[in-house]
């Protein structure tokens, strides 16, 4: 299984807009039969810090997810809310 953790730093007063966008991505992701896990979390003690965890059946499913134009559209909508580029860590799950 393949996955990734994405770290976002969201600008002040943009949290609600960002969270709405992440919920939209969660809904899109849930339609994919090869998706296994998608979670968004606030980082405790870090204003505007968020982590997104994702897990997919294989690399092809993860790549398909990352290239989905609907997700690209949501990311374009929330991009002005970000303090910088998201930090993406891709993973291969061992269990």
PDB file of N, CA and C in Angstrom:
ATOM      1  N   UNK A   1       0.836  -1.181   0.000  1.00  0.00           N
ATOM      2  CA  UNK A   1       0.000   0.000   0.000  1.00  0.00           C
ATOM      3  C   UNK A   1       0.878   1.241   0.000  1.00  0.00           C
ATOM      4  N   UNK A   2       0.372   2.262  -0.634  1.00  0.00           N
ATOM      5  CA  UNK A   2       1.089   3.525  -0.743  1.00  0.00           C
ATOM      6  C   UNK A   2       0.301   4.615  -0.025  1.00  0.00           C
ATOM      7  N   UNK A   3       1.011   5.614   0.418  1.00  0.00           N
ATOM      8  CA  UNK A   3       0.337   6.720   1.074  1.00  0.00           C
ATOM      9  C   UNK A   3       1.225   7.928   1.151  1.00  0.00           C
ATOM     10  N   UNK A   4       0.696   8.929   1.809  1.00  0.00           N
ATOM     11  CA  UNK A   4       1.471  10.136   2.018  1.00  0.00           C
ATOM     12  C   UNK A   4       0.922  10.904   3.214  1.00  0.00           C
ATOM     13  N   UNK A   5       1.801  11.702   3.773  1.00  0.00           N
ATOM     14  CA  UNK A   5       1.417  12.672   4.786  1.00  0.00           C
ATOM     15  C   UNK A   5       1.768  14.025   4.199  1.00  0.00           C
ATOM     16  N   UNK A   6       0.814  14.941   4.259  1.00  0.00           N
ATOM     17  CA  UNK A   6       1.018  16.272   3.708  1.00  0.00           C
ATOM     18  C   UNK A   6       0.859  17.278   4.847  1.00  0.00           C
ATOM     19  N   UNK A   7       1.865  18.109   4.994  1.00  0.00           N
ATOM     20  CA  UNK A   7       1.841  19.138   6.034  1.00  0.00           C
ATOM     21  C   UNK A   7       1.525  20.480   5.380  1.00  0.00           C
ATOM     22  N   UNK A   8       0.507  21.152   5.924  1.00  0.00           N
ATOM     23  CA  UNK A   8       0.096  22.463   5.431  1.00  0.00           C
ATOM     24  C   UNK A   8       0.274  23.499   6.539  1.00  0.00           C
ATOM     25  N   UNK A   9       0.681  24.689   6.145  1.00  0.00           N
ATOM     26  CA  UNK A   9       0.666  25.836   7.052  1.00  0.00           C
ATOM     27  C   UNK A   9      -0.326  26.830   6.463  1.00  0.00           C
ATOM     28  N   UNK A  10      -1.414  27.068   7.206  1.00  0.00           N
ATOM     29  CA  UNK A  10      -2.520  27.895   6.727  1.00  0.00           C
ATOM     30  C   UNK A  10      -2.416  29.292   7.343  1.00  0.00           C
ATOM     31  N   UNK A  11      -2.645  30.288   6.522  1.00  0.00           N
ATOM     32  CA  UNK A  11      -2.587  31.677   6.977  1.00  0.00           C
ATOM     33  C   UNK A  11      -3.700  31.975   7.991  1.00  0.00           C
ATOM     34  N   UNK A  12      -3.466  32.953   8.873  1.00  0.00           N
ATOM     35  CA  UNK A  12      -4.507  33.342   9.837  1.00  0.00           C
ATOM     36  C   UNK A  12      -5.792  33.733   9.111  1.00  0.00           C
ATOM     37  N   UNK A  13      -6.904  33.437   9.737  1.00  0.00           N
ATOM     38  CA  UNK A  13      -8.242  33.746   9.218  1.00  0.00           C
ATOM     39  C   UNK A  13      -8.618  32.953   7.967  1.00  0.00           C
ATOM     40  N   UNK A  14      -7.850  31.925   7.614  1.00  0.00           N
ATOM     41  CA  UNK A  14      -8.168  31.093   6.451  1.00  0.00           C
ATOM     42  C   UNK A  14      -8.502  29.656   6.838  1.00  0.00           C
ATOM     43  N   UNK A  15      -8.505  29.363   8.134  1.00  0.00           N
ATOM     44  CA  UNK A  15      -8.707  27.982   8.561  1.00  0.00           C
ATOM     45  C   UNK A  15     -10.030  27.399   8.071  1.00  0.00           C
ATOM     46  N   UNK A  16     -11.108  28.160   8.174  1.00  0.00           N
ATOM     47  CA  UNK A  16     -12.423  27.645   7.767  1.00  0.00           C
ATOM     48  C   UNK A  16     -12.443  27.338   6.271  1.00  0.00           C
ATOM     49  N   UNK A  17     -11.889  28.218   5.470  1.00  0.00           N
ATOM     50  CA  UNK A  17     -11.835  27.997   4.017  1.00  0.00           C
ATOM     51  C   UNK A  17     -10.991  26.759   3.695  1.00  0.00           C
ATOM     52  N   UNK A  18      -9.854  26.624   4.372  1.00  0.00           N
ATOM     53  CA  UNK A  18      -8.995  25.458   4.167  1.00  0.00           C
ATOM     54  C   UNK A  18      -9.719  24.178   4.558  1.00  0.00           C
ATOM     55  N   UNK A  19     -10.352  24.168   5.733  1.00  0.00           N
ATOM     56  CA  UNK A  19     -11.040  22.966   6.204  1.00  0.00           C
ATOM     57  C   UNK A  19     -12.191  22.577   5.288  1.00  0.00           C
ATOM     58  N   UNK A  20     -12.895  23.549   4.740  1.00  0.00           N
ATOM     59  CA  UNK A  20     -13.963  23.266   3.777  1.00  0.00           C
ATOM     60  C   UNK A  20     -13.374  22.603   2.532  1.00  0.00           C
ATOM     61  N   UNK A  21     -12.244  23.097   2.076  1.00  0.00           N
ATOM     62  CA  UNK A  21     -11.581  22.490   0.926  1.00  0.00           C
ATOM     63  C   UNK A  21     -11.141  21.063   1.208  1.00  0.00           C
ATOM     64  N   UNK A  22     -10.621  20.834   2.401  1.00  0.00           N
ATOM     65  CA  UNK A  22     -10.187  19.476   2.756  1.00  0.00           C
ATOM     66  C   UNK A  22     -11.379  18.518   2.844  1.00  0.00           C
ATOM     67  N   UNK A  23     -12.519  19.010   3.292  1.00  0.00           N
ATOM     68  CA  UNK A  23     -13.723  18.167   3.316  1.00  0.00           C
ATOM     69  C   UNK A  23     -14.163  17.825   1.897  1.00  0.00           C
ATOM     70  N   UNK A  24     -14.036  18.783   0.986  1.00  0.00           N
ATOM     71  CA  UNK A  24     -14.370  18.509  -0.413  1.00  0.00           C
ATOM     72  C   UNK A  24     -13.439  17.442  -0.982  1.00  0.00           C
ATOM     73  N   UNK A  25     -12.157  17.530  -0.671  1.00  0.00           N
ATOM     74  CA  UNK A  25     -11.207  16.514  -1.140  1.00  0.00           C
ATOM     75  C   UNK A  25     -11.530  15.160  -0.515  1.00  0.00           C
ATOM     76  N   UNK A  26     -11.916  15.146   0.755  1.00  0.00           N
ATOM     77  CA  UNK A  26     -12.296  13.882   1.414  1.00  0.00           C
ATOM     78  C   UNK A  26     -13.472  13.236   0.693  1.00  0.00           C
ATOM     79  N   UNK A  27     -14.447  14.032   0.274  1.00  0.00           N
ATOM     80  CA  UNK A  27     -15.611  13.495  -0.446  1.00  0.00           C
ATOM     81  C   UNK A  27     -15.209  12.926  -1.800  1.00  0.00           C
ATOM     82  N   UNK A  28     -14.330  13.621  -2.506  1.00  0.00           N
ATOM     83  CA  UNK A  28     -13.849  13.130  -3.801  1.00  0.00           C
ATOM     84  C   UNK A  28     -13.075  11.833  -3.601  1.00  0.00           C
ATOM     85  N   UNK A  29     -12.208  11.818  -2.608  1.00  0.00           N
ATOM     86  CA  UNK A  29     -11.362  10.651  -2.340  1.00  0.00           C
ATOM     87  C   UNK A  29     -12.204   9.432  -1.980  1.00  0.00           C
ATOM     88  N   UNK A  30     -13.271   9.644  -1.233  1.00  0.00           N
ATOM     89  CA  UNK A  30     -14.129   8.534  -0.802  1.00  0.00           C
ATOM     90  C   UNK A  30     -14.769   7.802  -1.980  1.00  0.00           C
ATOM     91  N   UNK A  31     -14.854   8.431  -3.139  1.00  0.00           N
ATOM     92  CA  UNK A  31     -15.424   7.801  -4.328  1.00  0.00           C
ATOM     93  C   UNK A  31     -14.471   6.785  -4.960  1.00  0.00           C
ATOM     94  N   UNK A  32     -13.197   6.834  -4.594  1.00  0.00           N
ATOM     95  CA  UNK A  32     -12.186   5.964  -5.204  1.00  0.00           C
ATOM     96  C   UNK A  32     -12.177   4.614  -4.497  1.00  0.00           C
ATOM     97  N   UNK A  33     -12.435   3.511  -5.209  1.00  0.00           N
ATOM     98  CA  UNK A  33     -12.460   2.195  -4.560  1.00  0.00           C
ATOM     99  C   UNK A  33     -11.087   1.746  -4.059  1.00  0.00           C
ATOM    100  N   UNK A  34     -10.022   2.382  -4.526  1.00  0.00           N
ATOM    101  CA  UNK A  34      -8.677   2.008  -4.098  1.00  0.00           C
ATOM    102  C   UNK A  34      -8.157   2.854  -2.940  1.00  0.00           C
ATOM    103  N   UNK A  35      -9.021   3.712  -2.390  1.00  0.00           N
ATOM    104  CA  UNK A  35      -8.629   4.520  -1.240  1.00  0.00           C
ATOM    105  C   UNK A  35      -8.942   3.725   0.026  1.00  0.00           C
ATOM    106  N   UNK A  36      -8.040   3.822   1.015  1.00  0.00           N
ATOM    107  CA  UNK A  36      -8.239   3.102   2.270  1.00  0.00           C
ATOM    108  C   UNK A  36      -8.363   4.024   3.476  1.00  0.00           C
ATOM    109  N   UNK A  37      -7.748   5.201   3.406  1.00  0.00           N
ATOM    110  CA  UNK A  37      -7.729   6.067   4.585  1.00  0.00           C
ATOM    111  C   UNK A  37      -7.441   7.488   4.148  1.00  0.00           C
ATOM    112  N   UNK A  38      -8.199   8.443   4.707  1.00  0.00           N
ATOM    113  CA  UNK A  38      -7.963   9.869   4.468  1.00  0.00           C
ATOM    114  C   UNK A  38      -8.356  10.590   5.737  1.00  0.00           C
ATOM    115  N   UNK A  39      -7.439  11.370   6.283  1.00  0.00           N
ATOM    116  CA  UNK A  39      -7.724  12.065   7.534  1.00  0.00           C
ATOM    117  C   UNK A  39      -7.044  13.431   7.526  1.00  0.00           C
ATOM    118  N   UNK A  40      -7.741  14.416   8.064  1.00  0.00           N
ATOM    119  CA  UNK A  40      -7.197  15.765   8.224  1.00  0.00           C
ATOM    120  C   UNK A  40      -7.161  16.072   9.711  1.00  0.00           C
ATOM    121  N   UNK A  41      -6.038  16.615  10.174  1.00  0.00           N
ATOM    122  CA  UNK A  41      -5.898  16.922  11.599  1.00  0.00           C
ATOM    123  C   UNK A  41      -5.210  18.268  11.789  1.00  0.00           C
ATOM    124  N   UNK A  42      -5.645  18.992  12.822  1.00  0.00           N
ATOM    125  CA  UNK A  42      -4.931  20.193  13.241  1.00  0.00           C
ATOM    126  C   UNK A  42      -3.748  19.761  14.096  1.00  0.00           C
ATOM    127  N   UNK A  43      -2.627  20.438  13.950  1.00  0.00           N
ATOM    128  CA  UNK A  43      -1.463  20.160  14.787  1.00  0.00           C
ATOM    129  C   UNK A  43      -1.630  20.930  16.092  1.00  0.00           C
ATOM    130  N   UNK A  44      -1.667  20.213  17.191  1.00  0.00           N
ATOM    131  CA  UNK A  44      -1.848  20.859  18.497  1.00  0.00           C
ATOM    132  C   UNK A  44      -0.709  21.827  18.781  1.00  0.00           C
ATOM    133  N   UNK A  45      -1.071  23.006  19.267  1.00  0.00           N
ATOM    134  CA  UNK A  45      -0.078  23.993  19.662  1.00  0.00           C
ATOM    135  C   UNK A  45       0.575  24.739  18.515  1.00  0.00           C
ATOM    136  N   UNK A  46       0.101  24.526  17.298  1.00  0.00           N
ATOM    137  CA  UNK A  46       0.675  25.201  16.132  1.00  0.00           C
ATOM    138  C   UNK A  46      -0.440  25.850  15.327  1.00  0.00           C
ATOM    139  N   UNK A  47      -0.626  27.133  15.516  1.00  0.00           N
ATOM    140  CA  UNK A  47      -1.681  27.859  14.822  1.00  0.00           C
ATOM    141  C   UNK A  47      -1.509  27.716  13.315  1.00  0.00           C
ATOM    142  N   UNK A  48      -2.550  27.252  12.659  1.00  0.00           N
ATOM    143  CA  UNK A  48      -2.540  27.114  11.205  1.00  0.00           C
ATOM    144  C   UNK A  48      -1.840  25.871  10.687  1.00  0.00           C
ATOM    145  N   UNK A  49      -1.360  25.003  11.578  1.00  0.00           N
ATOM    146  CA  UNK A  49      -0.680  23.790  11.148  1.00  0.00           C
ATOM    147  C   UNK A  49      -1.651  22.633  10.985  1.00  0.00           C
ATOM    148  N   UNK A  50      -1.580  21.935   9.853  1.00  0.00           N
ATOM    149  CA  UNK A  50      -2.461  20.804   9.560  1.00  0.00           C
ATOM    150  C   UNK A  50      -1.639  19.665   8.961  1.00  0.00           C
ATOM    151  N   UNK A  51      -2.091  18.436   9.227  1.00  0.00           N
ATOM    152  CA  UNK A  51      -1.547  17.246   8.590  1.00  0.00           C
ATOM    153  C   UNK A  51      -2.678  16.494   7.905  1.00  0.00           C
ATOM    154  N   UNK A  52      -2.421  16.037   6.701  1.00  0.00           N
ATOM    155  CA  UNK A  52      -3.358  15.184   5.971  1.00  0.00           C
ATOM    156  C   UNK A  52      -2.668  13.843   5.761  1.00  0.00           C
ATOM    157  N   UNK A  53      -3.325  12.770   6.181  1.00  0.00           N
ATOM    158  CA  UNK A  53      -2.804  11.415   6.013  1.00  0.00           C
ATOM    159  C   UNK A  53      -3.670  10.686   5.003  1.00  0.00           C
ATOM    160  N   UNK A  54      -3.022  10.002   4.063  1.00  0.00           N
ATOM    161  CA  UNK A  54      -3.757   9.283   3.025  1.00  0.00           C
ATOM    162  C   UNK A  54      -3.116   7.925   2.785  1.00  0.00           C
ATOM    163  N   UNK A  55      -3.969   6.944   2.480  1.00  0.00           N
ATOM    164  CA  UNK A  55      -3.482   5.593   2.196  1.00  0.00           C
ATOM    165  C   UNK A  55      -4.302   5.014   1.046  1.00  0.00           C
ATOM    166  N   UNK A  56      -3.586   4.439   0.061  1.00  0.00           N
ATOM    167  CA  UNK A  56      -4.221   3.897  -1.134  1.00  0.00           C
ATOM    168  C   UNK A  56      -3.714   2.480  -1.400  1.00  0.00           C
ATOM    169  N   UNK A  57      -4.444   1.740  -2.218  1.00  0.00           N
ATOM    170  CA  UNK A  57      -4.129   0.338  -2.493  1.00  0.00           C
ATOM    171  C   UNK A  57      -2.755   0.167  -3.121  1.00  0.00           C
ATOM    172  N   UNK A  58      -2.374   1.077  -4.007  1.00  0.00           N
ATOM    173  CA  UNK A  58      -1.093   0.942  -4.692  1.00  0.00           C
ATOM    174  C   UNK A  58      -0.656   2.301  -5.225  1.00  0.00           C
ATOM    175  N   UNK A  59       0.522   2.327  -5.817  1.00  0.00           N
ATOM    176  CA  UNK A  59       1.072   3.579  -6.318  1.00  0.00           C
ATOM    177  C   UNK A  59       0.201   4.177  -7.419  1.00  0.00           C
ATOM    178  N   UNK A  60      -0.360   3.346  -8.280  1.00  0.00           N
ATOM    179  CA  UNK A  60      -1.205   3.854  -9.365  1.00  0.00           C
ATOM    180  C   UNK A  60      -2.417   4.599  -8.808  1.00  0.00           C
ATOM    181  N   UNK A  61      -3.000   4.081  -7.742  1.00  0.00           N
ATOM    182  CA  UNK A  61      -4.156   4.748  -7.123  1.00  0.00           C
ATOM    183  C   UNK A  61      -3.751   6.088  -6.515  1.00  0.00           C
ATOM    184  N   UNK A  62      -2.591   6.134  -5.879  1.00  0.00           N
ATOM    185  CA  UNK A  62      -2.110   7.387  -5.295  1.00  0.00           C
ATOM    186  C   UNK A  62      -1.834   8.420  -6.381  1.00  0.00           C
ATOM    187  N   UNK A  63      -1.194   7.996  -7.456  1.00  0.00           N
ATOM    188  CA  UNK A  63      -0.908   8.911  -8.568  1.00  0.00           C
ATOM    189  C   UNK A  63      -2.214   9.400  -9.196  1.00  0.00           C
ATOM    190  N   UNK A  64      -3.173   8.498  -9.378  1.00  0.00           N
ATOM    191  CA  UNK A  64      -4.477   8.886  -9.933  1.00  0.00           C
ATOM    192  C   UNK A  64      -5.131   9.934  -9.039  1.00  0.00           C
ATOM    193  N   UNK A  65      -5.068   9.730  -7.733  1.00  0.00           N
ATOM    194  CA  UNK A  65      -5.624  10.686  -6.768  1.00  0.00           C
ATOM    195  C   UNK A  65      -4.952  12.049  -6.916  1.00  0.00           C
ATOM    196  N   UNK A  66      -3.635  12.043  -6.951  1.00  0.00           N
ATOM    197  CA  UNK A  66      -2.889  13.306  -7.015  1.00  0.00           C
ATOM    198  C   UNK A  66      -3.141  14.055  -8.322  1.00  0.00           C
ATOM    199  N   UNK A  67      -3.488  13.322  -9.388  1.00  0.00           N
ATOM    200  CA  UNK A  67      -3.721  13.940 -10.691  1.00  0.00           C
ATOM    201  C   UNK A  67      -5.195  14.190 -10.999  1.00  0.00           C
ATOM    202  N   UNK A  68      -6.082  13.906 -10.053  1.00  0.00           N
ATOM    203  CA  UNK A  68      -7.517  14.110 -10.267  1.00  0.00           C
ATOM    204  C   UNK A  68      -7.782  15.614 -10.454  1.00  0.00           C
ATOM    205  N   UNK A  69      -8.367  16.008 -11.580  1.00  0.00           N
ATOM    206  CA  UNK A  69      -8.597  17.440 -11.819  1.00  0.00           C
ATOM    207  C   UNK A  69      -9.534  18.087 -10.803  1.00  0.00           C
ATOM    208  N   UNK A  70     -10.423  17.310 -10.213  1.00  0.00           N
ATOM    209  CA  UNK A  70     -11.313  17.879  -9.190  1.00  0.00           C
ATOM    210  C   UNK A  70     -10.511  18.262  -7.948  1.00  0.00           C
ATOM    211  N   UNK A  71      -9.545  17.443  -7.594  1.00  0.00           N
ATOM    212  CA  UNK A  71      -8.694  17.760  -6.455  1.00  0.00           C
ATOM    213  C   UNK A  71      -7.812  18.957  -6.797  1.00  0.00           C
ATOM    214  N   UNK A  72      -7.309  18.989  -8.015  1.00  0.00           N
ATOM    215  CA  UNK A  72      -6.524  20.143  -8.454  1.00  0.00           C
ATOM    216  C   UNK A  72      -7.310  21.445  -8.356  1.00  0.00           C
ATOM    217  N   UNK A  73      -8.603  21.387  -8.696  1.00  0.00           N
ATOM    218  CA  UNK A  73      -9.448  22.583  -8.620  1.00  0.00           C
ATOM    219  C   UNK A  73      -9.619  23.049  -7.177  1.00  0.00           C
ATOM    220  N   UNK A  74      -9.823  22.095  -6.267  1.00  0.00           N
ATOM    221  CA  UNK A  74      -9.960  22.462  -4.843  1.00  0.00           C
ATOM    222  C   UNK A  74      -8.642  23.040  -4.332  1.00  0.00           C
ATOM    223  N   UNK A  75      -7.540  22.411  -4.696  1.00  0.00           N
ATOM    224  CA  UNK A  75      -6.238  22.917  -4.249  1.00  0.00           C
ATOM    225  C   UNK A  75      -6.002  24.337  -4.757  1.00  0.00           C
ATOM    226  N   UNK A  76      -6.430  24.620  -5.990  1.00  0.00           N
ATOM    227  CA  UNK A  76      -6.295  25.977  -6.538  1.00  0.00           C
ATOM    228  C   UNK A  76      -7.117  26.973  -5.733  1.00  0.00           C
ATOM    229  N   UNK A  77      -8.286  26.538  -5.233  1.00  0.00           N
ATOM    230  CA  UNK A  77      -9.139  27.419  -4.434  1.00  0.00           C
ATOM    231  C   UNK A  77      -8.523  27.740  -3.076  1.00  0.00           C
ATOM    232  N   UNK A  78      -7.838  26.763  -2.476  1.00  0.00           N
ATOM    233  CA  UNK A  78      -7.288  27.002  -1.139  1.00  0.00           C
ATOM    234  C   UNK A  78      -5.846  27.514  -1.174  1.00  0.00           C
ATOM    235  N   UNK A  79      -5.210  27.492  -2.330  1.00  0.00           N
ATOM    236  CA  UNK A  79      -3.809  27.913  -2.432  1.00  0.00           C
ATOM    237  C   UNK A  79      -3.559  29.297  -1.836  1.00  0.00           C
ATOM    238  N   UNK A  80      -4.452  30.287  -2.032  1.00  0.00           N
ATOM    239  CA  UNK A  80      -4.206  31.602  -1.426  1.00  0.00           C
ATOM    240  C   UNK A  80      -4.197  31.569   0.108  1.00  0.00           C
ATOM    241  N   UNK A  81      -4.697  30.513   0.694  1.00  0.00           N
ATOM    242  CA  UNK A  81      -4.734  30.389   2.155  1.00  0.00           C
ATOM    243  C   UNK A  81      -3.453  29.785   2.729  1.00  0.00           C
ATOM    244  N   UNK A  82      -2.560  29.330   1.884  1.00  0.00           N
ATOM    245  CA  UNK A  82      -1.373  28.632   2.356  1.00  0.00           C
ATOM    246  C   UNK A  82      -0.197  29.588   2.524  1.00  0.00           C
ATOM    247  N   UNK A  83       0.565  29.376   3.604  1.00  0.00           N
ATOM    248  CA  UNK A  83       1.744  30.203   3.877  1.00  0.00           C
ATOM    249  C   UNK A  83       2.937  29.782   3.026  1.00  0.00           C
ATOM    250  N   UNK A  84       2.814  28.676   2.332  1.00  0.00           N
ATOM    251  CA  UNK A  84       3.881  28.159   1.475  1.00  0.00           C
ATOM    252  C   UNK A  84       3.424  26.861   0.857  1.00  0.00           C
ATOM    253  N   UNK A  85       4.314  26.244   0.118  1.00  0.00           N
ATOM    254  CA  UNK A  85       3.982  24.968  -0.523  1.00  0.00           C
ATOM    255  C   UNK A  85       3.818  23.879   0.534  1.00  0.00           C
ATOM    256  N   UNK A  86       2.845  22.975   0.341  1.00  0.00           N
ATOM    257  CA  UNK A  86       2.704  21.861   1.270  1.00  0.00           C
ATOM    258  C   UNK A  86       3.954  20.968   1.238  1.00  0.00           C
ATOM    259  N   UNK A  87       4.283  20.402   2.378  1.00  0.00           N
ATOM    260  CA  UNK A  87       5.398  19.451   2.462  1.00  0.00           C
ATOM    261  C   UNK A  87       4.821  18.047   2.345  1.00  0.00           C
ATOM    262  N   UNK A  88       5.205  17.314   1.304  1.00  0.00           N
ATOM    263  CA  UNK A  88       4.645  15.993   1.026  1.00  0.00           C
ATOM    264  C   UNK A  88       5.689  14.921   1.322  1.00  0.00           C
ATOM    265  N   UNK A  89       5.296  13.950   2.131  1.00  0.00           N
ATOM    266  CA  UNK A  89       6.126  12.781   2.403  1.00  0.00           C
ATOM    267  C   UNK A  89       5.368  11.561   1.908  1.00  0.00           C
ATOM    268  N   UNK A  90       5.914  10.906   0.881  1.00  0.00           N
ATOM    269  CA  UNK A  90       5.284   9.674   0.372  1.00  0.00           C
ATOM    270  C   UNK A  90       5.809   8.489   1.145  1.00  0.00           C
ATOM    271  N   UNK A  91       4.948   7.474   1.317  1.00  0.00           N
ATOM    272  CA  UNK A  91       5.292   6.318   2.123  1.00  0.00           C
ATOM    273  C   UNK A  91       4.862   5.033   1.447  1.00  0.00           C
ATOM    274  N   UNK A  92       5.569   3.968   1.742  1.00  0.00           N
ATOM    275  CA  UNK A  92       5.157   2.612   1.380  1.00  0.00           C
ATOM    276  C   UNK A  92       4.873   1.883   2.700  1.00  0.00           C
ATOM    277  N   UNK A  93       3.633   1.493   2.905  1.00  0.00           N
ATOM    278  CA  UNK A  93       3.255   0.833   4.149  1.00  0.00           C
ATOM    279  C   UNK A  93       3.732  -0.606   4.143  1.00  0.00           C
ATOM    280  N   UNK A  94       4.260  -1.049   5.252  1.00  0.00           N
ATOM    281  CA  UNK A  94       4.777  -2.404   5.381  1.00  0.00           C
ATOM    282  C   UNK A  94       3.748  -3.365   5.972  1.00  0.00           C
ATOM    283  N   UNK A  95       2.705  -2.832   6.581  1.00  0.00           N
ATOM    284  CA  UNK A  95       1.644  -3.693   7.114  1.00  0.00           C
ATOM    285  C   UNK A  95       0.303  -3.029   6.955  1.00  0.00           C
TER     286      UNK A  95
END
